[in-house]
Amino acid sequence: MSKKYQVAWAAVAKNDLKQIIEYIAQDSPDNASQILNKIKQKASDLYAMPDRGKIVPELKDQGIHTYRELIVAPWRIIYRISDTTVYVLSVIDSRRNVEDILLDRFVT
């Protein structure tokens, strides 16, 4: 039987998601709702197999292997695994300068 994890959202990740959904909802509330559900479902699925996400390439290049990501195009769900908890740390639009955002949030 495989190990089950708890999925916990950091405040900054919740805020990221809120901003994304509010922005989309200005033009299409239905689309915003669909995207919200898709992102939340993808993150909640981490309870079963959190290792399936790849190591974040921009951080890996800096020698940091702690953070993983899942893609819900064009957004990236950044998380880390600790014991029996998966911490969702950020939801970032990949069209932005992701490396600067990640290094600012996770390295400094």
Protein backbone atom coordinates (compact mmCIF):
# COMPACT_ATOMS: atom_id res chain seq x y z
CA MET A 1 0.00 0.00 0.00
CA SER A 2 1.40 3.38 -0.94
CA LYS A 3 2.00 6.17 1.52
CA LYS A 4 -0.59 8.98 1.64
CA TYR A 5 0.36 12.60 2.11
CA GLN A 6 -1.48 15.64 3.36
CA VAL A 7 -1.54 18.57 0.92
CA ALA A 8 -1.18 22.00 2.56
CA TRP A 9 -1.27 25.36 0.79
CA ALA A 10 1.08 28.15 1.90
CA ALA A 11 -0.49 31.60 2.22
CA VAL A 12 1.58 32.92 -0.71
CA ALA A 13 0.34 30.09 -2.96
CA LYS A 14 -3.26 30.81 -1.97
CA ASN A 15 -2.68 34.45 -2.81
CA ASP A 16 -1.07 33.54 -6.15
CA LEU A 17 -4.10 31.45 -7.06
CA LYS A 18 -6.53 34.12 -5.92
CA GLN A 19 -4.82 36.75 -8.10
CA ILE A 20 -4.82 34.45 -11.13
CA ILE A 21 -8.49 33.60 -10.77
CA GLU A 22 -9.55 37.21 -10.13
CA TYR A 23 -7.68 38.34 -13.23
CA ILE A 24 -9.27 35.67 -15.44
CA ALA A 25 -12.71 36.27 -13.94
CA GLN A 26 -12.68 39.86 -15.21
CA ASP A 27 -13.18 38.48 -18.73
CA SER A 28 -14.67 35.06 -18.10
CA PRO A 29 -16.03 33.93 -14.72
CA ASP A 30 -16.80 30.48 -16.13
CA ASN A 31 -13.25 30.03 -17.41
CA ALA A 32 -11.88 31.25 -14.07
CA SER A 33 -13.95 28.65 -12.24
CA GLN A 34 -12.75 25.87 -14.55
CA ILE A 35 -9.11 26.89 -14.12
CA LEU A 36 -9.49 27.14 -10.34
CA ASN A 37 -10.90 23.62 -10.22
CA LYS A 38 -8.19 22.26 -12.52
CA ILE A 39 -5.33 23.77 -10.49
CA LYS A 40 -6.80 22.73 -7.14
CA GLN A 41 -7.46 19.18 -8.38
CA LYS A 42 -3.93 18.81 -9.78
CA ALA A 43 -2.48 19.97 -6.44
CA SER A 44 -4.77 17.80 -4.33
CA ASP A 45 -3.78 14.75 -6.40
CA LEU A 46 -0.31 15.09 -4.89
CA TYR A 47 -1.56 13.22 -1.81
CA ALA A 48 -0.90 9.92 -3.58
CA MET A 49 2.30 10.40 -5.61
CA PRO A 50 4.07 13.68 -4.86
CA ASP A 51 7.34 12.54 -6.45
CA ARG A 52 5.74 12.58 -9.90
CA GLY A 53 6.44 16.31 -10.31
CA LYS A 54 9.78 17.25 -11.81
CA ILE A 55 12.44 19.21 -9.96
CA VAL A 56 12.09 22.91 -10.80
CA PRO A 57 14.70 23.46 -13.55
CA GLU A 58 15.54 27.07 -12.64
CA LEU A 59 16.32 26.03 -9.07
CA LYS A 60 18.02 22.81 -10.08
CA ASP A 61 20.47 24.94 -12.08
CA GLN A 62 21.30 26.69 -8.79
CA GLY A 63 21.90 23.34 -7.03
CA ILE A 64 18.52 23.36 -5.26
CA HIS A 65 16.67 20.05 -5.57
CA THR A 66 14.07 20.47 -2.83
CA TYR A 67 11.29 21.94 -4.97
CA ARG A 68 9.13 20.20 -7.52
CA GLU A 69 6.49 21.37 -9.95
CA LEU A 70 3.39 20.30 -11.79
CA ILE A 71 2.19 22.09 -14.90
CA VAL A 72 -1.34 23.26 -15.58
CA ALA A 73 -0.40 25.27 -18.65
CA PRO A 74 0.55 28.06 -18.50
CA TRP A 75 0.76 27.86 -14.69
CA ARG A 76 3.31 26.05 -12.61
CA ILE A 77 2.40 24.63 -9.20
CA ILE A 78 5.58 24.71 -7.10
CA TYR A 79 5.74 22.46 -4.03
CA ARG A 80 8.02 20.59 -1.68
CA ILE A 81 7.62 17.34 0.18
CA SER A 82 8.33 17.10 3.91
CA ASP A 83 7.69 13.84 5.77
CA THR A 84 3.98 13.15 5.13
CA THR A 85 3.02 16.64 3.95
CA VAL A 86 3.19 18.22 0.52
CA TYR A 87 3.44 22.00 0.79
CA VAL A 88 2.10 23.93 -2.20
CA LEU A 89 4.31 27.03 -2.16
CA SER A 90 3.50 28.99 -5.33
CA VAL A 91 1.34 29.06 -8.41
CA ILE A 92 3.23 31.02 -11.05
CA ASP A 93 2.38 32.04 -14.59
CA SER A 94 5.17 30.53 -16.68
CA ARG A 95 4.98 33.46 -19.11
CA ARG A 96 6.58 35.65 -16.44
CA ASN A 97 10.26 35.60 -15.47
CA VAL A 98 9.89 32.52 -13.32
CA GLU A 99 13.55 32.25 -12.36
CA ASP A 100 13.56 35.67 -10.68
CA ILE A 101 10.30 34.94 -8.84
CA LEU A 102 11.51 31.58 -7.57
CA LEU A 103 14.95 32.73 -6.54
CA ASP A 104 13.39 35.67 -4.70
CA ARG A 105 10.89 33.47 -2.86
CA PHE A 106 12.95 30.39 -2.09
CA VAL A 107 16.60 31.41 -1.95
CA THR A 108 16.77 34.83 -0.31
